[in-house]
Amino acid sequence: MSSGRQATSALAAAAIVALLAAAPAWADGKVVRDGNDVAGPLDIKSATQGHAGASFVTHTVSTFQPFASSSLVRRTSFTFQFTSHNLRGFTKFVFVFWERGRLRALVGTRTRLIGTAGVSRPNSRTIRVKVARRFLDSAGYGWIVASFVPSGFDVIPNRNLVFHDLAGPTISGLHFPDPSTEASATPTFPVSFNLSDASPRPSWQLEWRPAGSQAWSIVATGVGNGSHSAQIAGVQGATYEFRVRATDAAGNATTSATMLVSVPLDDSNAAFATAYTGVWNGGNDGYLGTLHWATPGTSSFSYTFTGTYFAWIANTLNPMGGSATVIIDSVATTVDLSTAQARLKTVFEASLAAGSHTVQIVPLTGATIIDALVFR
């Protein structure tokens, strides 16, 4: 019998099994077992599902009795049947049979053949197929396996479908404040994210590393869908990279985008011992309980660093807040300090070409407050 005729015969039989299949269930399991309930060599004992790298899935079917591959001819065969992720009706089939001296596996829809699958015999009672994911629903699918002999058929599972989850958890709502003063008045700051997956208890780990480093370290772990958060103990002047990695019960993994967080230097940090000139007054509010403020005259702040980014954080709740000039490498920008009402506000930031840069802050009107600074 030709491949087309063999597959057509198997498809007709599979359609009968599809009509008899019980209502689907949203479940995920790696091994399904069946009782010794059908006479003959193709009485199914168990079936499995698995991943085979990023591009393939595997399914096996095992019988109670050994059988020869060459027996899978004419009306004797195995058929693996697959739904889409919504478990509504079988849309893809893998037909396993013997032809021209070898075991074959063809992939088809209800109307036509669309490709081939790998097929092997791990032992005398088992068939294993390796199917390309491109033939299946990328979000997952329901499945059953049927064996056909001239006297009838056996199917596993007998009730409900088994769901094979192929989609990793969805990581969303990433909140990693940059700079950290967007969420905290100390170097310790909160981060949070949301996790969603078909399985009820996906596991996750939050990883971090100093910016520019290679190795990641785990800073927090947990399980479950929903919102998750962690408190990060940072260090003044440090910049960190973060990512979230999540894995579901089926082994599907997702890694989030890399998030950057800089912990500012306090305005009173020793690094700025010679940065302030003129008359600057102190305060006990804001980041780490200190701030510098000055009015127009001879006061200014000047600092040279090597990097690609600068940010200035200030307390803009002061009713005397006015304006200041920020000069970076002789390029001046006027900053209005009176409109954005916040205790810790990034009032100015600039992305720069890699290299050495000199930043100056010069009061222009009203009061100019320096609470924290980021150089990276």
Protein backbone atom coordinates (compact mmCIF):
# COMPACT_ATOMS: atom_id res chain seq x y z
CA MET A 1 0.00 0.00 0.00
CA SER A 2 1.34 3.47 -0.87
CA SER A 3 2.11 6.11 1.77
CA GLY A 4 -0.89 8.16 0.69
CA ARG A 5 -3.31 5.23 0.85
CA GLN A 6 -1.92 4.03 4.19
CA ALA A 7 -2.24 7.53 5.68
CA THR A 8 -5.75 7.96 4.24
CA SER A 9 -6.85 4.70 5.81
CA ALA A 10 -5.34 5.71 9.16
CA LEU A 11 -6.97 9.13 8.92
CA ALA A 12 -10.40 7.60 8.40
CA ALA A 13 -9.91 5.43 11.48
CA ALA A 14 -8.55 8.39 13.44
CA ALA A 15 -11.68 10.36 12.66
CA ILE A 16 -13.74 7.66 14.37
CA VAL A 17 -11.53 7.82 17.44
CA ALA A 18 -11.81 11.61 17.44
CA LEU A 19 -15.59 11.35 17.59
CA LEU A 20 -15.36 8.93 20.50
CA ALA A 21 -12.81 10.96 22.48
CA ALA A 22 -14.08 12.34 25.77
CA ALA A 23 -14.33 16.05 26.50
CA PRO A 24 -10.93 17.72 26.81
CA ALA A 25 -9.36 18.74 30.10
CA TRP A 26 -6.74 21.42 30.77
CA ALA A 27 -4.00 19.28 32.26
CA ASP A 28 -0.33 18.67 31.74
CA GLY A 29 1.33 15.31 32.34
CA LYS A 30 4.43 13.57 31.11
CA VAL A 31 3.25 9.93 31.37
CA VAL A 32 -0.23 8.49 30.82
CA ARG A 33 -1.08 4.86 31.64
CA ASP A 34 -3.80 2.54 30.38
CA GLY A 35 -5.14 -0.81 31.56
CA ASN A 36 -4.78 -4.16 29.77
CA ASP A 37 -8.18 -3.75 28.16
CA VAL A 38 -7.88 -4.69 24.48
CA ALA A 39 -6.87 -8.08 23.13
CA GLY A 40 -3.96 -8.24 20.73
CA PRO A 41 -0.36 -7.11 20.40
CA LEU A 42 -1.17 -3.37 20.12
CA ASP A 43 -3.00 -3.04 23.45
CA ILE A 44 -1.56 0.25 24.75
CA LYS A 45 0.06 0.32 28.19
CA SER A 46 1.39 3.89 28.39
CA ALA A 47 2.25 7.02 26.42
CA THR A 48 4.55 9.95 27.11
CA GLN A 49 5.26 13.48 25.97
CA GLY A 50 8.48 15.45 26.06
CA HIS A 51 10.61 18.25 24.67
CA ALA A 52 13.49 17.67 22.26
CA GLY A 53 15.31 20.98 22.23
CA ALA A 54 13.74 24.18 21.00
CA SER A 55 12.44 22.84 17.68
CA PHE A 56 10.94 19.40 18.35
CA VAL A 57 8.64 17.49 20.68
CA THR A 58 8.62 13.76 21.34
CA HIS A 59 5.83 11.27 21.98
CA THR A 60 6.07 7.57 22.76
CA VAL A 61 3.52 4.80 22.94
CA SER A 62 4.22 1.46 24.63
CA THR A 63 2.18 -1.75 24.46
CA PHE A 64 1.76 -4.69 26.85
CA GLN A 65 3.16 -7.12 24.29
CA PRO A 66 6.14 -6.82 21.94
CA PHE A 67 5.38 -6.32 18.27
CA ALA A 68 7.36 -6.20 15.05
CA SER A 69 7.64 -2.96 13.12
CA SER A 70 6.85 -4.90 9.96
CA SER A 71 3.41 -5.75 11.40
CA LEU A 72 2.29 -2.12 10.97
CA VAL A 73 0.83 -2.53 7.50
CA ARG A 74 -2.57 -2.08 5.90
CA ARG A 75 -5.13 -1.70 8.72
CA THR A 76 -2.56 -2.01 11.51
CA SER A 77 -0.90 1.21 12.62
CA PHE A 78 -0.45 3.89 15.29
CA THR A 79 -1.82 7.41 15.04
CA PHE A 80 -0.89 10.36 17.23
CA GLN A 81 -3.59 13.02 17.18
CA PHE A 82 -3.17 16.68 18.15
CA THR A 83 -5.46 19.64 18.83
CA SER A 84 -4.60 23.34 19.03
CA HIS A 85 -4.02 24.97 22.42
CA ASN A 86 -7.75 25.54 22.92
CA LEU A 87 -8.31 21.74 22.72
CA ARG A 88 -11.11 22.05 20.20
CA GLY A 89 -10.92 19.27 17.65
CA PHE A 90 -7.97 17.37 16.22
CA THR A 91 -6.13 19.34 13.57
CA LYS A 92 -2.85 17.44 13.07
CA PHE A 93 -2.02 13.74 12.90
CA VAL A 94 1.14 11.61 12.82
CA PHE A 95 0.65 8.24 11.11
CA VAL A 96 3.15 5.48 11.92
CA PHE A 97 3.35 2.44 9.63
CA TRP A 98 5.70 0.06 7.83
CA GLU A 99 6.49 0.65 4.15
CA ARG A 100 9.19 -0.66 1.79
CA GLY A 101 11.26 -2.25 4.50
CA ARG A 102 11.27 0.59 7.01
CA LEU A 103 9.17 2.33 9.63
CA ARG A 104 7.71 5.67 8.55
CA ALA A 105 5.90 8.58 10.21
CA LEU A 106 3.89 11.05 8.14
CA VAL A 107 2.38 14.32 9.41
CA GLY A 108 -0.96 15.42 8.06
CA THR A 109 -4.09 17.47 8.54
CA ARG A 110 -7.58 16.11 7.98
CA THR A 111 -7.22 16.70 4.25
CA ARG A 112 -3.57 16.38 3.26
CA LEU A 113 -0.06 15.29 4.16
CA ILE A 114 2.22 18.15 5.21
CA GLY A 115 5.51 16.55 6.21
CA THR A 116 7.34 13.76 7.99
CA ALA A 117 8.35 13.02 11.56
CA GLY A 118 11.23 11.05 13.01
CA VAL A 119 10.34 7.57 14.24
CA SER A 120 12.33 5.02 16.24
CA ARG A 121 11.98 1.89 18.37
CA PRO A 122 13.47 2.34 21.88
CA ASN A 123 12.47 -1.28 22.63
CA SER A 124 10.28 -4.08 21.27
CA ARG A 125 7.13 -2.63 22.88
CA THR A 126 7.60 1.08 22.11
CA ILE A 127 7.28 3.54 19.23
CA ARG A 128 8.84 6.99 19.57
CA VAL A 129 8.08 9.91 17.24
CA LYS A 130 9.92 13.22 17.03
CA VAL A 131 7.74 15.97 15.59
CA ALA A 132 8.82 19.45 14.51
CA ARG A 133 7.10 22.16 16.56
CA ARG A 134 6.31 24.09 13.40
CA PHE A 135 3.58 21.53 12.68
CA LEU A 136 1.90 22.13 16.06
CA ASP A 137 0.40 25.03 17.97
CA SER A 138 3.27 27.01 19.48
CA ALA A 139 1.24 27.66 22.64
CA GLY A 140 0.67 23.95 23.26
CA TYR A 141 -1.80 21.24 22.26
CA GLY A 142 -3.95 18.36 23.46
CA TRP A 143 -3.17 14.83 22.30
CA ILE A 144 -4.15 11.18 22.27
CA VAL A 145 -2.57 8.08 20.73
CA ALA A 146 -4.53 5.32 19.01
CA SER A 147 -3.50 1.86 17.82
CA PHE A 148 -5.45 0.19 15.04
CA VAL A 149 -5.79 -3.50 14.20
CA PRO A 150 -8.32 -5.17 11.88
CA SER A 151 -10.51 -6.13 14.86
CA GLY A 152 -10.68 -2.65 16.39
CA PHE A 153 -8.59 0.00 18.14
CA ASP A 154 -7.21 1.13 21.50
CA VAL A 155 -6.72 4.72 22.60
CA ILE A 156 -4.86 6.50 25.39
CA PRO A 157 -5.91 8.39 27.42
CA ASN A 158 -9.38 6.86 27.69
CA ARG A 159 -10.78 10.03 29.23
CA ASN A 160 -9.88 13.62 28.46
CA LEU A 161 -6.89 14.82 26.51
CA VAL A 162 -3.40 15.40 27.78
CA PHE A 163 -2.21 18.98 27.33
CA HIS A 164 1.38 19.48 26.24
CA ASP A 165 2.40 23.00 27.26
CA LEU A 166 4.91 24.59 24.87
CA ALA A 167 4.69 28.23 25.95
CA GLY A 168 6.93 29.60 28.66
CA PRO A 169 5.60 31.87 31.42
CA THR A 170 4.79 35.46 30.47
CA ILE A 171 6.86 38.01 32.39
CA SER A 172 5.33 41.49 32.40
CA GLY A 173 4.95 44.62 34.51
CA LEU A 174 8.70 44.96 35.03
CA HIS A 175 9.27 47.78 37.51
CA PHE A 176 12.95 48.45 38.11
CA PRO A 177 13.36 52.12 39.10
CA ASP A 178 16.21 53.88 37.34
CA PRO A 179 17.62 55.71 39.13
CA SER A 180 16.68 53.91 42.34
CA THR A 181 15.56 57.23 43.87
CA GLU A 182 12.42 56.94 41.75
CA ALA A 183 11.26 54.48 44.43
CA SER A 184 13.47 54.91 47.50
CA ALA A 185 15.28 57.52 49.58
CA THR A 186 18.04 55.02 50.45
CA PRO A 187 20.30 52.70 48.42
CA THR A 188 17.83 49.85 49.20
CA PHE A 189 15.07 49.85 46.61
CA PRO A 190 12.10 47.69 45.53
CA VAL A 191 11.73 45.87 42.21
CA SER A 192 8.65 44.01 40.98
CA PHE A 193 7.21 42.05 38.08
CA ASN A 194 4.20 39.92 37.11
CA LEU A 195 4.18 36.26 36.11
CA SER A 196 1.46 34.43 34.17
CA ASP A 197 1.37 30.83 32.94
CA ALA A 198 -1.08 28.02 32.22
CA SER A 199 0.50 25.97 35.00
CA PRO A 200 -0.42 27.14 38.51
CA ARG A 201 3.04 27.25 40.06
CA PRO A 202 5.77 28.39 37.67
CA SER A 203 9.08 28.95 39.41
CA TRP A 204 11.11 32.14 39.01
CA GLN A 205 14.43 33.60 39.96
CA LEU A 206 15.55 37.22 39.99
CA GLU A 207 19.16 37.64 38.90
CA TRP A 208 21.50 40.62 39.07
CA ARG A 209 25.06 41.61 38.30
CA PRO A 210 27.15 44.78 38.33
CA ALA A 211 26.82 46.48 34.95
CA GLY A 212 29.55 45.28 32.64
CA SER A 213 30.10 41.99 34.49
CA GLN A 214 29.59 38.58 32.89
CA ALA A 215 28.31 36.34 35.69
CA TRP A 216 24.75 36.55 37.02
CA SER A 217 23.86 35.93 40.67
CA ILE A 218 20.48 34.94 42.09
CA VAL A 219 19.09 37.55 44.44
CA ALA A 220 15.57 36.15 44.99
CA THR A 221 13.45 33.11 44.05
CA GLY A 222 9.83 32.08 44.28
CA VAL A 223 6.91 30.18 42.74
CA GLY A 224 3.44 31.02 41.50
CA ASN A 225 1.59 33.29 39.14
CA GLY A 226 0.79 36.91 39.98
CA SER A 227 2.80 39.84 41.26
CA HIS A 228 6.23 39.36 42.84
CA SER A 229 8.64 41.82 44.41
CA ALA A 230 12.00 41.98 46.16
CA GLN A 231 14.00 44.52 48.12
CA ILE A 232 17.48 45.10 46.71
CA ALA A 233 20.30 46.34 48.93
CA GLY A 234 22.32 48.50 46.57
CA VAL A 235 25.47 50.53 47.06
CA GLN A 236 25.90 54.23 46.37
CA GLY A 237 27.31 54.89 42.91
CA ALA A 238 26.73 51.32 41.65
CA THR A 239 24.81 50.36 38.51
CA TYR A 240 23.19 46.93 38.29
CA GLU A 241 21.63 44.80 35.58
CA PHE A 242 18.59 42.68 36.43
CA ARG A 243 16.66 39.93 34.69
CA VAL A 244 13.87 37.52 35.62
CA ARG A 245 13.96 33.87 34.56
CA ALA A 246 10.82 31.74 34.88
CA THR A 247 10.15 28.05 34.22
CA ASP A 248 6.83 26.22 34.18
CA ALA A 249 5.95 22.64 35.09
CA ALA A 250 6.54 21.46 31.52
CA GLY A 251 10.09 22.83 31.48
CA ASN A 252 9.35 25.83 29.25
CA ALA A 253 11.57 28.76 30.23
CA THR A 254 11.33 32.51 29.66
CA THR A 255 13.92 35.20 30.32
CA SER A 256 12.90 38.83 30.61
CA ALA A 257 14.60 41.81 29.07
CA THR A 258 17.61 43.10 30.99
CA MET A 259 16.76 46.04 33.22
CA LEU A 260 19.28 48.68 34.36
CA VAL A 261 19.21 50.39 37.75
CA SER A 262 21.68 52.99 39.04
CA VAL A 263 21.95 53.83 42.74
CA PRO A 264 22.83 57.54 42.95
CA LEU A 265 25.66 59.08 44.90
CA ASP A 266 24.42 61.21 47.78
CA ASP A 267 25.01 64.94 47.49
CA SER A 268 27.29 64.71 50.54
CA ASN A 269 29.37 61.82 49.23
CA ALA A 270 33.11 62.23 49.76
CA ALA A 271 33.61 62.08 46.00
CA PHE A 272 32.17 65.62 45.84
CA ALA A 273 34.43 67.11 48.53
CA THR A 274 35.81 69.71 46.10
CA ALA A 275 32.86 69.87 43.68
CA TYR A 276 30.94 72.65 45.44
CA THR A 277 32.17 76.24 45.18
CA GLY A 278 30.63 79.38 46.65
CA VAL A 279 27.94 79.32 49.31
CA TRP A 280 25.94 76.06 49.59
CA ASN A 281 23.57 75.39 52.45
CA GLY A 282 22.79 72.00 53.95
CA GLY A 283 19.47 70.26 54.60
CA ASN A 284 18.25 67.10 56.36
CA ASP A 285 15.65 65.89 53.86
CA GLY A 286 15.61 63.77 50.73
CA TYR A 287 18.02 61.01 49.74
CA LEU A 288 19.89 59.65 52.78
CA GLY A 289 18.63 62.61 54.80
CA THR A 290 20.90 65.27 53.26
CA LEU A 291 20.82 67.85 50.48
CA HIS A 292 22.71 70.91 49.22
CA TRP A 293 20.97 74.10 48.13
CA ALA A 294 22.13 77.48 46.88
CA THR A 295 20.81 80.69 45.36
CA PRO A 296 22.23 82.62 42.39
CA GLY A 297 25.56 84.33 42.92
CA THR A 298 28.96 82.70 42.99
CA SER A 299 27.81 79.17 43.84
CA SER A 300 28.27 76.26 41.42
CA PHE A 301 28.85 72.51 41.29
CA SER A 302 31.47 70.96 38.96
CA TYR A 303 32.46 67.30 38.56
CA THR A 304 34.39 65.36 35.92
CA PHE A 305 33.69 61.69 35.21
CA THR A 306 34.22 59.04 32.56
CA GLY A 307 31.08 57.40 31.23
CA THR A 308 27.99 57.75 29.04
CA TYR A 309 25.21 58.99 31.32
CA PHE A 310 24.44 61.70 33.90
CA ALA A 311 21.34 62.34 36.04
CA TRP A 312 20.53 64.98 38.65
CA ILE A 313 17.96 64.24 41.38
CA ALA A 314 16.44 67.08 43.41
CA ASN A 315 13.66 67.87 45.87
CA THR A 316 11.27 70.07 43.90
CA LEU A 317 8.70 70.55 46.67
CA ASN A 318 10.55 73.69 47.83
CA PRO A 319 8.34 76.76 47.11
CA MET A 320 11.53 78.73 46.39
CA GLY A 321 12.47 76.35 43.59
CA GLY A 322 13.62 78.29 40.57
CA SER A 323 15.90 77.32 37.71
CA ALA A 324 19.48 76.35 37.05
CA THR A 325 21.88 75.94 34.18
CA VAL A 326 23.41 72.52 33.51
CA ILE A 327 26.58 72.71 31.46
CA ILE A 328 28.07 69.49 30.06
CA ASP A 329 31.27 69.88 28.07
CA SER A 330 30.42 73.57 27.47
CA VAL A 331 26.88 72.83 26.24
CA ALA A 332 24.34 74.64 28.45
CA THR A 333 20.73 73.64 29.24
CA THR A 334 18.26 75.51 31.44
CA VAL A 335 16.40 73.34 33.95
CA ASP A 336 13.10 74.48 35.52
CA LEU A 337 12.93 73.33 39.16
CA SER A 338 9.51 74.77 39.98
CA THR A 339 7.05 72.61 38.00
CA ALA A 340 7.68 68.96 38.89
CA GLN A 341 6.47 68.69 42.50
CA ALA A 342 8.18 65.65 44.02
CA ARG A 343 10.44 64.86 46.94
CA LEU A 344 12.92 62.94 44.79
CA LYS A 345 12.70 63.90 41.15
CA THR A 346 15.09 63.31 38.28
CA VAL A 347 15.13 66.88 37.03
CA PHE A 348 17.78 66.38 34.37
CA GLU A 349 19.43 63.46 32.59
CA ALA A 350 21.64 63.11 29.56
CA SER A 351 23.02 60.24 27.49
CA LEU A 352 26.53 61.02 26.34
CA ALA A 353 29.22 59.69 24.05
CA ALA A 354 31.66 57.38 25.81
CA GLY A 355 34.54 59.34 27.31
CA SER A 356 35.42 62.01 29.86
CA HIS A 357 32.82 64.69 30.62
CA THR A 358 32.62 67.71 32.94
CA VAL A 359 29.22 68.51 34.45
CA GLN A 360 28.46 71.92 35.98
CA ILE A 361 25.28 73.03 37.81
CA VAL A 362 24.88 76.78 38.23
CA PRO A 363 21.90 78.35 40.12
CA LEU A 364 19.99 80.74 37.87
CA THR A 365 16.84 81.83 39.79
CA GLY A 366 15.33 80.94 43.15
CA ALA A 367 16.79 77.97 45.06
CA THR A 368 18.74 75.19 43.38
CA ILE A 369 18.75 71.86 45.26
CA ILE A 370 21.15 68.98 44.67
CA ASP A 371 20.04 65.80 46.47
CA ALA A 372 21.66 62.95 44.48
CA LEU A 373 23.64 62.42 41.26
CA VAL A 374 24.17 59.52 38.87
CA PHE A 375 27.35 59.11 36.84
CA ARG A 376 27.70 55.93 34.78
